[in-house]
Amino acid sequence: MFRCYFSRSAFIMVVFTASLLVMPPLLPPLPPPPTVLLFVPVIIMSFLVFMAFIPSQMPEFSP
């Protein structure tokens, strides 16, 4: 009673994975990004850590 189920989304995922394996050797190497752009993920992560640890300004509604 085993049915082989292969959905369209699974097919798209397999094609995407295959393209990730095949395309890098075919494409020319890209130049490195500007130095300022390298700090964007660091700034975003710093902001998220800052937001995680600041106290909430919501009043408590405990009875």
PDB file of N, CA and C in Angstrom:
ATOM      1  N   MET A   1       0.825  -1.197   0.000  1.00  0.00           N
ATOM      2  CA  MET A   1       0.000   0.000   0.000  1.00  0.00           C
ATOM      3  C   MET A   1       0.871   1.265   0.000  1.00  0.00           C
ATOM      4  N   PHE A   2       2.112   1.149  -0.425  1.00  0.00           N
ATOM      5  CA  PHE A   2       3.001   2.312  -0.475  1.00  0.00           C
ATOM      6  C   PHE A   2       2.808   3.035  -1.795  1.00  0.00           C
ATOM      7  N   ARG A   3       2.467   4.319  -1.710  1.00  0.00           N
ATOM      8  CA  ARG A   3       2.307   5.123  -2.916  1.00  0.00           C
ATOM      9  C   ARG A   3       3.460   6.099  -3.015  1.00  0.00           C
ATOM     10  N   CYS A   4       4.010   6.200  -4.188  1.00  0.00           N
ATOM     11  CA  CYS A   4       5.097   7.151  -4.411  1.00  0.00           C
ATOM     12  C   CYS A   4       4.475   8.534  -4.625  1.00  0.00           C
ATOM     13  N   TYR A   5       4.723   9.432  -3.706  1.00  0.00           N
ATOM     14  CA  TYR A   5       4.149  10.767  -3.768  1.00  0.00           C
ATOM     15  C   TYR A   5       5.268  11.769  -4.012  1.00  0.00           C
ATOM     16  N   PHE A   6       5.209  12.466  -5.115  1.00  0.00           N
ATOM     17  CA  PHE A   6       6.232  13.448  -5.462  1.00  0.00           C
ATOM     18  C   PHE A   6       5.515  14.708  -5.916  1.00  0.00           C
ATOM     19  N   SER A   7       5.453  15.691  -5.063  1.00  0.00           N
ATOM     20  CA  SER A   7       4.690  16.897  -5.370  1.00  0.00           C
ATOM     21  C   SER A   7       5.493  17.870  -6.235  1.00  0.00           C
ATOM     22  N   ARG A   8       4.806  18.879  -6.687  1.00  0.00           N
ATOM     23  CA  ARG A   8       5.436  19.905  -7.511  1.00  0.00           C
ATOM     24  C   ARG A   8       6.481  20.677  -6.706  1.00  0.00           C
ATOM     25  N   SER A   9       6.187  20.930  -5.437  1.00  0.00           N
ATOM     26  CA  SER A   9       7.150  21.666  -4.618  1.00  0.00           C
ATOM     27  C   SER A   9       8.419  20.851  -4.384  1.00  0.00           C
ATOM     28  N   ALA A  10       8.290  19.528  -4.253  1.00  0.00           N
ATOM     29  CA  ALA A  10       9.480  18.688  -4.104  1.00  0.00           C
ATOM     30  C   ALA A  10      10.302  18.707  -5.393  1.00  0.00           C
ATOM     31  N   PHE A  11       9.641  18.715  -6.537  1.00  0.00           N
ATOM     32  CA  PHE A  11      10.345  18.786  -7.816  1.00  0.00           C
ATOM     33  C   PHE A  11      11.098  20.108  -7.949  1.00  0.00           C
ATOM     34  N   ILE A  12      10.445  21.206  -7.549  1.00  0.00           N
ATOM     35  CA  ILE A  12      11.102  22.515  -7.608  1.00  0.00           C
ATOM     36  C   ILE A  12      12.314  22.537  -6.685  1.00  0.00           C
ATOM     37  N   MET A  13      12.196  21.916  -5.513  1.00  0.00           N
ATOM     38  CA  MET A  13      13.320  21.881  -4.583  1.00  0.00           C
ATOM     39  C   MET A  13      14.484  21.069  -5.146  1.00  0.00           C
ATOM     40  N   VAL A  14      14.196  19.972  -5.825  1.00  0.00           N
ATOM     41  CA  VAL A  14      15.256  19.161  -6.430  1.00  0.00           C
ATOM     42  C   VAL A  14      15.943  19.935  -7.553  1.00  0.00           C
ATOM     43  N   VAL A  15      15.172  20.628  -8.379  1.00  0.00           N
ATOM     44  CA  VAL A  15      15.751  21.424  -9.466  1.00  0.00           C
ATOM     45  C   VAL A  15      16.594  22.567  -8.905  1.00  0.00           C
ATOM     46  N   PHE A  16      16.109  23.215  -7.860  1.00  0.00           N
ATOM     47  CA  PHE A  16      16.867  24.298  -7.233  1.00  0.00           C
ATOM     48  C   PHE A  16      18.180  23.783  -6.645  1.00  0.00           C
ATOM     49  N   THR A  17      18.142  22.627  -5.989  1.00  0.00           N
ATOM     50  CA  THR A  17      19.357  22.039  -5.421  1.00  0.00           C
ATOM     51  C   THR A  17      20.348  21.672  -6.520  1.00  0.00           C
ATOM     52  N   ALA A  18      19.852  21.103  -7.601  1.00  0.00           N
ATOM     53  CA  ALA A  18      20.735  20.746  -8.712  1.00  0.00           C
ATOM     54  C   ALA A  18      21.360  21.994  -9.335  1.00  0.00           C
ATOM     55  N   SER A  19      20.583  23.066  -9.436  1.00  0.00           N
ATOM     56  CA  SER A  19      21.147  24.293 -10.009  1.00  0.00           C
ATOM     57  C   SER A  19      22.215  24.887  -9.097  1.00  0.00           C
ATOM     58  N   LEU A  20      22.051  24.749  -7.774  1.00  0.00           N
ATOM     59  CA  LEU A  20      23.082  25.229  -6.852  1.00  0.00           C
ATOM     60  C   LEU A  20      24.370  24.429  -6.983  1.00  0.00           C
ATOM     61  N   LEU A  21      24.266  23.179  -7.375  1.00  0.00           N
ATOM     62  CA  LEU A  21      25.457  22.353  -7.551  1.00  0.00           C
ATOM     63  C   LEU A  21      26.116  22.571  -8.907  1.00  0.00           C
ATOM     64  N   VAL A  22      25.340  22.872  -9.940  1.00  0.00           N
ATOM     65  CA  VAL A  22      25.860  22.953 -11.302  1.00  0.00           C
ATOM     66  C   VAL A  22      26.314  24.368 -11.666  1.00  0.00           C
ATOM     67  N   MET A  23      25.603  25.389 -11.217  1.00  0.00           N
ATOM     68  CA  MET A  23      25.875  26.748 -11.677  1.00  0.00           C
ATOM     69  C   MET A  23      27.194  27.356 -11.201  1.00  0.00           C
ATOM     70  N   PRO A  24      27.652  27.167  -9.968  1.00  0.00           N
ATOM     71  CA  PRO A  24      28.908  27.831  -9.563  1.00  0.00           C
ATOM     72  C   PRO A  24      30.116  27.506 -10.431  1.00  0.00           C
ATOM     73  N   PRO A  25      30.334  26.273 -10.872  1.00  0.00           N
ATOM     74  CA  PRO A  25      31.489  26.061 -11.761  1.00  0.00           C
ATOM     75  C   PRO A  25      31.327  26.708 -13.138  1.00  0.00           C
ATOM     76  N   LEU A  26      30.094  26.966 -13.567  1.00  0.00           N
ATOM     77  CA  LEU A  26      29.865  27.539 -14.892  1.00  0.00           C
ATOM     78  C   LEU A  26      29.947  29.063 -14.904  1.00  0.00           C
ATOM     79  N   LEU A  27      29.611  29.709 -13.800  1.00  0.00           N
ATOM     80  CA  LEU A  27      29.592  31.166 -13.758  1.00  0.00           C
ATOM     81  C   LEU A  27      30.974  31.721 -13.427  1.00  0.00           C
ATOM     82  N   PRO A  28      31.308  32.900 -13.949  1.00  0.00           N
ATOM     83  CA  PRO A  28      32.607  33.503 -13.595  1.00  0.00           C
ATOM     84  C   PRO A  28      32.572  33.999 -12.150  1.00  0.00           C
ATOM     85  N   PRO A  29      33.728  34.078 -11.500  1.00  0.00           N
ATOM     86  CA  PRO A  29      33.738  34.567 -10.112  1.00  0.00           C
ATOM     87  C   PRO A  29      33.363  36.046 -10.045  1.00  0.00           C
ATOM     88  N   LEU A  30      32.655  36.405  -9.007  1.00  0.00           N
ATOM     89  CA  LEU A  30      32.221  37.788  -8.835  1.00  0.00           C
ATOM     90  C   LEU A  30      33.261  38.569  -8.038  1.00  0.00           C
ATOM     91  N   PRO A  31      33.340  39.875  -8.260  1.00  0.00           N
ATOM     92  CA  PRO A  31      34.260  40.682  -7.445  1.00  0.00           C
ATOM     93  C   PRO A  31      33.717  40.793  -6.020  1.00  0.00           C
ATOM     94  N   PRO A  32      34.585  41.046  -5.057  1.00  0.00           N
ATOM     95  CA  PRO A  32      34.099  41.173  -3.674  1.00  0.00           C
ATOM     96  C   PRO A  32      33.226  42.418  -3.520  1.00  0.00           C
ATOM     97  N   PRO A  33      32.279  42.384  -2.592  1.00  0.00           N
ATOM     98  CA  PRO A  33      31.416  43.556  -2.392  1.00  0.00           C
ATOM     99  C   PRO A  33      32.190  44.688  -1.719  1.00  0.00           C
ATOM    100  N   PRO A  34      31.671  45.901  -1.791  1.00  0.00           N
ATOM    101  CA  PRO A  34      32.317  47.012  -1.082  1.00  0.00           C
ATOM    102  C   PRO A  34      32.361  46.737   0.426  1.00  0.00           C
ATOM    103  N   THR A  35      33.349  47.310   1.084  1.00  0.00           N
ATOM    104  CA  THR A  35      33.553  47.050   2.508  1.00  0.00           C
ATOM    105  C   THR A  35      32.352  47.473   3.345  1.00  0.00           C
ATOM    106  N   VAL A  36      31.692  48.545   2.951  1.00  0.00           N
ATOM    107  CA  VAL A  36      30.544  49.030   3.718  1.00  0.00           C
ATOM    108  C   VAL A  36      29.429  47.990   3.730  1.00  0.00           C
ATOM    109  N   LEU A  37      29.217  47.310   2.617  1.00  0.00           N
ATOM    110  CA  LEU A  37      28.161  46.301   2.566  1.00  0.00           C
ATOM    111  C   LEU A  37      28.461  45.100   3.449  1.00  0.00           C
ATOM    112  N   LEU A  38      29.715  44.864   3.754  1.00  0.00           N
ATOM    113  CA  LEU A  38      30.053  43.748   4.632  1.00  0.00           C
ATOM    114  C   LEU A  38      29.598  44.006   6.066  1.00  0.00           C
ATOM    115  N   PHE A  39      29.399  45.269   6.429  1.00  0.00           N
ATOM    116  CA  PHE A  39      28.956  45.596   7.779  1.00  0.00           C
ATOM    117  C   PHE A  39      27.440  45.541   7.940  1.00  0.00           C
ATOM    118  N   VAL A  40      26.685  45.428   6.871  1.00  0.00           N
ATOM    119  CA  VAL A  40      25.223  45.406   6.957  1.00  0.00           C
ATOM    120  C   VAL A  40      24.721  44.242   7.808  1.00  0.00           C
ATOM    121  N   PRO A  41      25.171  42.991   7.612  1.00  0.00           N
ATOM    122  CA  PRO A  41      24.689  41.919   8.492  1.00  0.00           C
ATOM    123  C   PRO A  41      25.092  42.124   9.951  1.00  0.00           C
ATOM    124  N   VAL A  42      26.268  42.702  10.189  1.00  0.00           N
ATOM    125  CA  VAL A  42      26.711  42.960  11.567  1.00  0.00           C
ATOM    126  C   VAL A  42      25.808  43.998  12.221  1.00  0.00           C
ATOM    127  N   ILE A  43      25.454  45.025  11.481  1.00  0.00           N
ATOM    128  CA  ILE A  43      24.573  46.066  12.013  1.00  0.00           C
ATOM    129  C   ILE A  43      23.187  45.502  12.295  1.00  0.00           C
ATOM    130  N   ILE A  44      22.663  44.699  11.389  1.00  0.00           N
ATOM    131  CA  ILE A  44      21.345  44.100  11.597  1.00  0.00           C
ATOM    132  C   ILE A  44      21.360  43.196  12.823  1.00  0.00           C
ATOM    133  N   MET A  45      22.396  42.375  12.971  1.00  0.00           N
ATOM    134  CA  MET A  45      22.480  41.479  14.123  1.00  0.00           C
ATOM    135  C   MET A  45      22.626  42.269  15.418  1.00  0.00           C
ATOM    136  N   SER A  46      23.406  43.335  15.402  1.00  0.00           N
ATOM    137  CA  SER A  46      23.548  44.173  16.596  1.00  0.00           C
ATOM    138  C   SER A  46      22.211  44.799  16.983  1.00  0.00           C
ATOM    139  N   PHE A  47      21.468  45.266  16.000  1.00  0.00           N
ATOM    140  CA  PHE A  47      20.152  45.842  16.268  1.00  0.00           C
ATOM    141  C   PHE A  47      19.205  44.805  16.861  1.00  0.00           C
ATOM    142  N   LEU A  48      19.222  43.582  16.327  1.00  0.00           N
ATOM    143  CA  LEU A  48      18.342  42.537  16.848  1.00  0.00           C
ATOM    144  C   LEU A  48      18.711  42.149  18.276  1.00  0.00           C
ATOM    145  N   VAL A  49      20.000  42.075  18.572  1.00  0.00           N
ATOM    146  CA  VAL A  49      20.424  41.768  19.944  1.00  0.00           C
ATOM    147  C   VAL A  49      20.023  42.905  20.878  1.00  0.00           C
ATOM    148  N   PHE A  50      20.195  44.142  20.433  1.00  0.00           N
ATOM    149  CA  PHE A  50      19.785  45.293  21.237  1.00  0.00           C
ATOM    150  C   PHE A  50      18.286  45.251  21.519  1.00  0.00           C
ATOM    151  N   MET A  51      17.484  44.963  20.498  1.00  0.00           N
ATOM    152  CA  MET A  51      16.033  44.900  20.675  1.00  0.00           C
ATOM    153  C   MET A  51      15.612  43.742  21.581  1.00  0.00           C
ATOM    154  N   ALA A  52      16.383  42.670  21.592  1.00  0.00           N
ATOM    155  CA  ALA A  52      16.028  41.517  22.417  1.00  0.00           C
ATOM    156  C   ALA A  52      16.234  41.794  23.897  1.00  0.00           C
ATOM    157  N   PHE A  53      17.187  42.657  24.228  1.00  0.00           N
ATOM    158  CA  PHE A  53      17.524  42.854  25.634  1.00  0.00           C
ATOM    159  C   PHE A  53      17.008  44.150  26.245  1.00  0.00           C
ATOM    160  N   ILE A  54      16.384  45.024  25.464  1.00  0.00           N
ATOM    161  CA  ILE A  54      15.820  46.218  26.086  1.00  0.00           C
ATOM    162  C   ILE A  54      14.498  45.833  26.746  1.00  0.00           C
ATOM    163  N   PRO A  55      14.171  46.464  27.875  1.00  0.00           N
ATOM    164  CA  PRO A  55      12.917  46.112  28.547  1.00  0.00           C
ATOM    165  C   PRO A  55      11.715  46.614  27.758  1.00  0.00           C
ATOM    166  N   SER A  56      10.648  45.888  27.884  1.00  0.00           N
ATOM    167  CA  SER A  56       9.422  46.261  27.193  1.00  0.00           C
ATOM    168  C   SER A  56       8.777  47.449  27.903  1.00  0.00           C
ATOM    169  N   GLN A  57       8.174  48.336  27.156  1.00  0.00           N
ATOM    170  CA  GLN A  57       7.512  49.509  27.726  1.00  0.00           C
ATOM    171  C   GLN A  57       6.022  49.264  27.950  1.00  0.00           C
ATOM    172  N   MET A  58       5.580  48.028  27.742  1.00  0.00           N
ATOM    173  CA  MET A  58       4.168  47.695  27.916  1.00  0.00           C
ATOM    174  C   MET A  58       3.840  47.630  29.409  1.00  0.00           C
ATOM    175  N   PRO A  59       2.731  48.244  29.832  1.00  0.00           N
ATOM    176  CA  PRO A  59       2.347  48.119  31.246  1.00  0.00           C
ATOM    177  C   PRO A  59       1.864  46.700  31.540  1.00  0.00           C
ATOM    178  N   GLU A  60       2.079  46.275  32.776  1.00  0.00           N
ATOM    179  CA  GLU A  60       1.638  44.929  33.160  1.00  0.00           C
ATOM    180  C   GLU A  60       0.164  44.975  33.536  1.00  0.00           C
ATOM    181  N   PHE A  61      -0.587  44.017  33.052  1.00  0.00           N
ATOM    182  CA  PHE A  61      -2.016  43.940  33.331  1.00  0.00           C
ATOM    183  C   PHE A  61      -2.331  42.745  34.211  1.00  0.00           C
ATOM    184  N   SER A  62      -1.497  42.474  35.201  1.00  0.00           N
ATOM    185  CA  SER A  62      -1.765  41.326  36.077  1.00  0.00           C
ATOM    186  C   SER A  62      -2.804  41.727  37.123  1.00  0.00           C
ATOM    187  N   PRO A  63      -3.803  40.882  37.353  1.00  0.00           N
ATOM    188  CA  PRO A  63      -4.871  41.233  38.319  1.00  0.00           C
ATOM    189  C   PRO A  63      -4.413  41.132  39.753  1.00  0.00           C
TER     190      PRO A  63
END
